[in-house]
Amino acid sequence: MADPEEEKDETLQEVLDKYQLSSDYRTSEEFETNLNRWKDYYNGTSEETKDREAQKRSAILPPWPKTTVNHLLARFILTICGQKPYFSTAPLNKKSI
């Protein structure tokens, strides 16, 4: 059997390693660049939003692909017009009934 103290030390070392990796990622230049890019995007000051405004497209919503929009609309329509409405399906936790 493994010694509980050794297991505790291994777990602690694993947690410290993961924390160090996370800290290294958050301090990297790539993380800062990515963060600033999306901040600018949602503030409406990025190049992408200016390009979308120039094309007379919505600069508020992210530029979703048409297939994604069609998929979401199809799911909503199936939910609304499907054979069973959402409230008639069986509950997930049957013990609570």
C-alpha atoms as a PDB file:
ATOM      1  CA  MET A   1       0.000   0.000   0.000  1.00  0.00           C
ATOM      2  CA  ALA A   2       1.095   3.509  -0.724  1.00  0.00           C
ATOM      3  CA  ASP A   3       1.865   5.798   2.132  1.00  0.00           C
ATOM      4  CA  PRO A   4      -0.897   8.426   2.639  1.00  0.00           C
ATOM      5  CA  GLU A   5       1.738  11.125   3.144  1.00  0.00           C
ATOM      6  CA  GLU A   6       3.359  10.287  -0.195  1.00  0.00           C
ATOM      7  CA  GLU A   7      -0.029  10.401  -1.944  1.00  0.00           C
ATOM      8  CA  LYS A   8      -0.730  13.765  -0.322  1.00  0.00           C
ATOM      9  CA  ASP A   9       2.663  15.079  -1.488  1.00  0.00           C
ATOM     10  CA  GLU A  10       2.067  13.815  -5.043  1.00  0.00           C
ATOM     11  CA  THR A  11      -1.374  15.419  -5.139  1.00  0.00           C
ATOM     12  CA  LEU A  12       0.015  18.668  -3.776  1.00  0.00           C
ATOM     13  CA  GLN A  13       2.796  18.659  -6.364  1.00  0.00           C
ATOM     14  CA  GLU A  14       0.293  18.009  -9.168  1.00  0.00           C
ATOM     15  CA  VAL A  15      -1.886  20.904  -8.007  1.00  0.00           C
ATOM     16  CA  LEU A  16       1.131  23.201  -7.781  1.00  0.00           C
ATOM     17  CA  ASP A  17       2.266  22.195 -11.282  1.00  0.00           C
ATOM     18  CA  LYS A  18      -1.180  22.920 -12.737  1.00  0.00           C
ATOM     19  CA  TYR A  19      -1.292  26.250 -10.940  1.00  0.00           C
ATOM     20  CA  GLN A  20       2.119  27.144 -12.349  1.00  0.00           C
ATOM     21  CA  LEU A  21       1.019  26.224 -15.886  1.00  0.00           C
ATOM     22  CA  SER A  22      -2.112  28.343 -15.489  1.00  0.00           C
ATOM     23  CA  SER A  23      -0.108  31.246 -14.129  1.00  0.00           C
ATOM     24  CA  ASP A  24       2.398  30.997 -16.977  1.00  0.00           C
ATOM     25  CA  TYR A  25      -0.421  31.025 -19.524  1.00  0.00           C
ATOM     26  CA  ARG A  26      -2.121  34.042 -17.968  1.00  0.00           C
ATOM     27  CA  THR A  27       1.119  36.026 -17.996  1.00  0.00           C
ATOM     28  CA  SER A  28       2.044  35.128 -21.569  1.00  0.00           C
ATOM     29  CA  GLU A  29       1.879  37.718 -24.338  1.00  0.00           C
ATOM     30  CA  GLU A  30      -0.510  35.553 -26.352  1.00  0.00           C
ATOM     31  CA  PHE A  31      -3.070  35.630 -23.538  1.00  0.00           C
ATOM     32  CA  GLU A  32      -2.847  39.428 -23.231  1.00  0.00           C
ATOM     33  CA  THR A  33      -3.127  39.892 -26.993  1.00  0.00           C
ATOM     34  CA  ASN A  34      -6.159  37.617 -27.175  1.00  0.00           C
ATOM     35  CA  LEU A  35      -7.801  39.327 -24.212  1.00  0.00           C
ATOM     36  CA  ASN A  36      -7.244  42.811 -25.658  1.00  0.00           C
ATOM     37  CA  ARG A  37      -8.542  41.712 -29.052  1.00  0.00           C
ATOM     38  CA  TRP A  38     -11.856  40.512 -27.614  1.00  0.00           C
ATOM     39  CA  LYS A  39     -12.156  43.533 -25.311  1.00  0.00           C
ATOM     40  CA  ASP A  40     -11.816  45.774 -28.353  1.00  0.00           C
ATOM     41  CA  TYR A  41     -14.250  43.612 -30.286  1.00  0.00           C
ATOM     42  CA  TYR A  42     -17.021  43.867 -27.706  1.00  0.00           C
ATOM     43  CA  ASN A  43     -16.304  47.560 -27.103  1.00  0.00           C
ATOM     44  CA  GLY A  44     -16.799  48.150 -30.824  1.00  0.00           C
ATOM     45  CA  THR A  45     -13.311  49.536 -31.385  1.00  0.00           C
ATOM     46  CA  SER A  46     -11.654  46.611 -33.148  1.00  0.00           C
ATOM     47  CA  GLU A  47     -10.810  46.282 -36.821  1.00  0.00           C
ATOM     48  CA  GLU A  48     -13.357  43.461 -37.201  1.00  0.00           C
ATOM     49  CA  THR A  49     -16.268  45.590 -36.013  1.00  0.00           C
ATOM     50  CA  LYS A  50     -15.188  48.510 -38.201  1.00  0.00           C
ATOM     51  CA  ASP A  51     -15.036  46.182 -41.202  1.00  0.00           C
ATOM     52  CA  ARG A  52     -18.509  44.844 -40.393  1.00  0.00           C
ATOM     53  CA  GLU A  53     -19.906  48.380 -40.118  1.00  0.00           C
ATOM     54  CA  ALA A  54     -18.326  49.277 -43.467  1.00  0.00           C
ATOM     55  CA  GLN A  55     -20.068  46.247 -45.026  1.00  0.00           C
ATOM     56  CA  LYS A  56     -23.407  47.378 -43.514  1.00  0.00           C
ATOM     57  CA  ARG A  57     -23.489  44.299 -41.277  1.00  0.00           C
ATOM     58  CA  SER A  58     -24.326  44.143 -37.589  1.00  0.00           C
ATOM     59  CA  ALA A  59     -21.326  45.070 -35.472  1.00  0.00           C
ATOM     60  CA  ILE A  60     -23.069  44.084 -32.247  1.00  0.00           C
ATOM     61  CA  LEU A  61     -23.337  40.316 -32.591  1.00  0.00           C
ATOM     62  CA  PRO A  62     -20.371  38.069 -33.256  1.00  0.00           C
ATOM     63  CA  PRO A  63     -20.101  37.064 -36.922  1.00  0.00           C
ATOM     64  CA  TRP A  64     -21.744  33.644 -36.730  1.00  0.00           C
ATOM     65  CA  PRO A  65     -21.558  31.448 -39.804  1.00  0.00           C
ATOM     66  CA  LYS A  66     -24.827  31.011 -41.678  1.00  0.00           C
ATOM     67  CA  THR A  67     -24.821  27.249 -41.003  1.00  0.00           C
ATOM     68  CA  THR A  68     -24.745  27.881 -37.247  1.00  0.00           C
ATOM     69  CA  VAL A  69     -27.674  30.281 -37.469  1.00  0.00           C
ATOM     70  CA  ASN A  70     -29.648  27.812 -39.603  1.00  0.00           C
ATOM     71  CA  HIS A  71     -28.897  25.011 -37.136  1.00  0.00           C
ATOM     72  CA  LEU A  72     -30.081  27.087 -34.168  1.00  0.00           C
ATOM     73  CA  LEU A  73     -33.257  28.126 -35.976  1.00  0.00           C
ATOM     74  CA  ALA A  74     -33.976  24.515 -36.913  1.00  0.00           C
ATOM     75  CA  ARG A  75     -33.543  23.440 -33.280  1.00  0.00           C
ATOM     76  CA  PHE A  76     -35.886  26.181 -32.052  1.00  0.00           C
ATOM     77  CA  ILE A  77     -38.515  25.273 -34.643  1.00  0.00           C
ATOM     78  CA  LEU A  78     -38.276  21.578 -33.752  1.00  0.00           C
ATOM     79  CA  THR A  79     -38.605  22.416 -30.068  1.00  0.00           C
ATOM     80  CA  ILE A  80     -41.656  24.590 -30.659  1.00  0.00           C
ATOM     81  CA  CYS A  81     -43.385  22.517 -33.358  1.00  0.00           C
ATOM     82  CA  GLY A  82     -42.147  19.038 -32.444  1.00  0.00           C
ATOM     83  CA  GLN A  83     -44.451  16.135 -31.603  1.00  0.00           C
ATOM     84  CA  LYS A  84     -43.959  16.512 -27.869  1.00  0.00           C
ATOM     85  CA  PRO A  85     -43.754  19.898 -26.207  1.00  0.00           C
ATOM     86  CA  TYR A  86     -40.889  20.376 -23.786  1.00  0.00           C
ATOM     87  CA  PHE A  87     -43.187  20.332 -20.733  1.00  0.00           C
ATOM     88  CA  SER A  88     -44.665  16.910 -21.529  1.00  0.00           C
ATOM     89  CA  THR A  89     -41.382  15.004 -21.466  1.00  0.00           C
ATOM     90  CA  ALA A  90     -40.546  12.900 -18.439  1.00  0.00           C
ATOM     91  CA  PRO A  91     -38.633  14.679 -15.677  1.00  0.00           C
ATOM     92  CA  LEU A  92     -34.988  13.748 -15.244  1.00  0.00           C
ATOM     93  CA  ASN A  93     -35.344  12.984 -11.545  1.00  0.00           C
ATOM     94  CA  LYS A  94     -38.285  10.579 -11.306  1.00  0.00           C
ATOM     95  CA  LYS A  95     -37.713   9.963  -7.600  1.00  0.00           C
ATOM     96  CA  SER A  96     -38.891  13.488  -6.845  1.00  0.00           C
ATOM     97  CA  ILE A  97     -42.425  12.728  -8.079  1.00  0.00           C
END
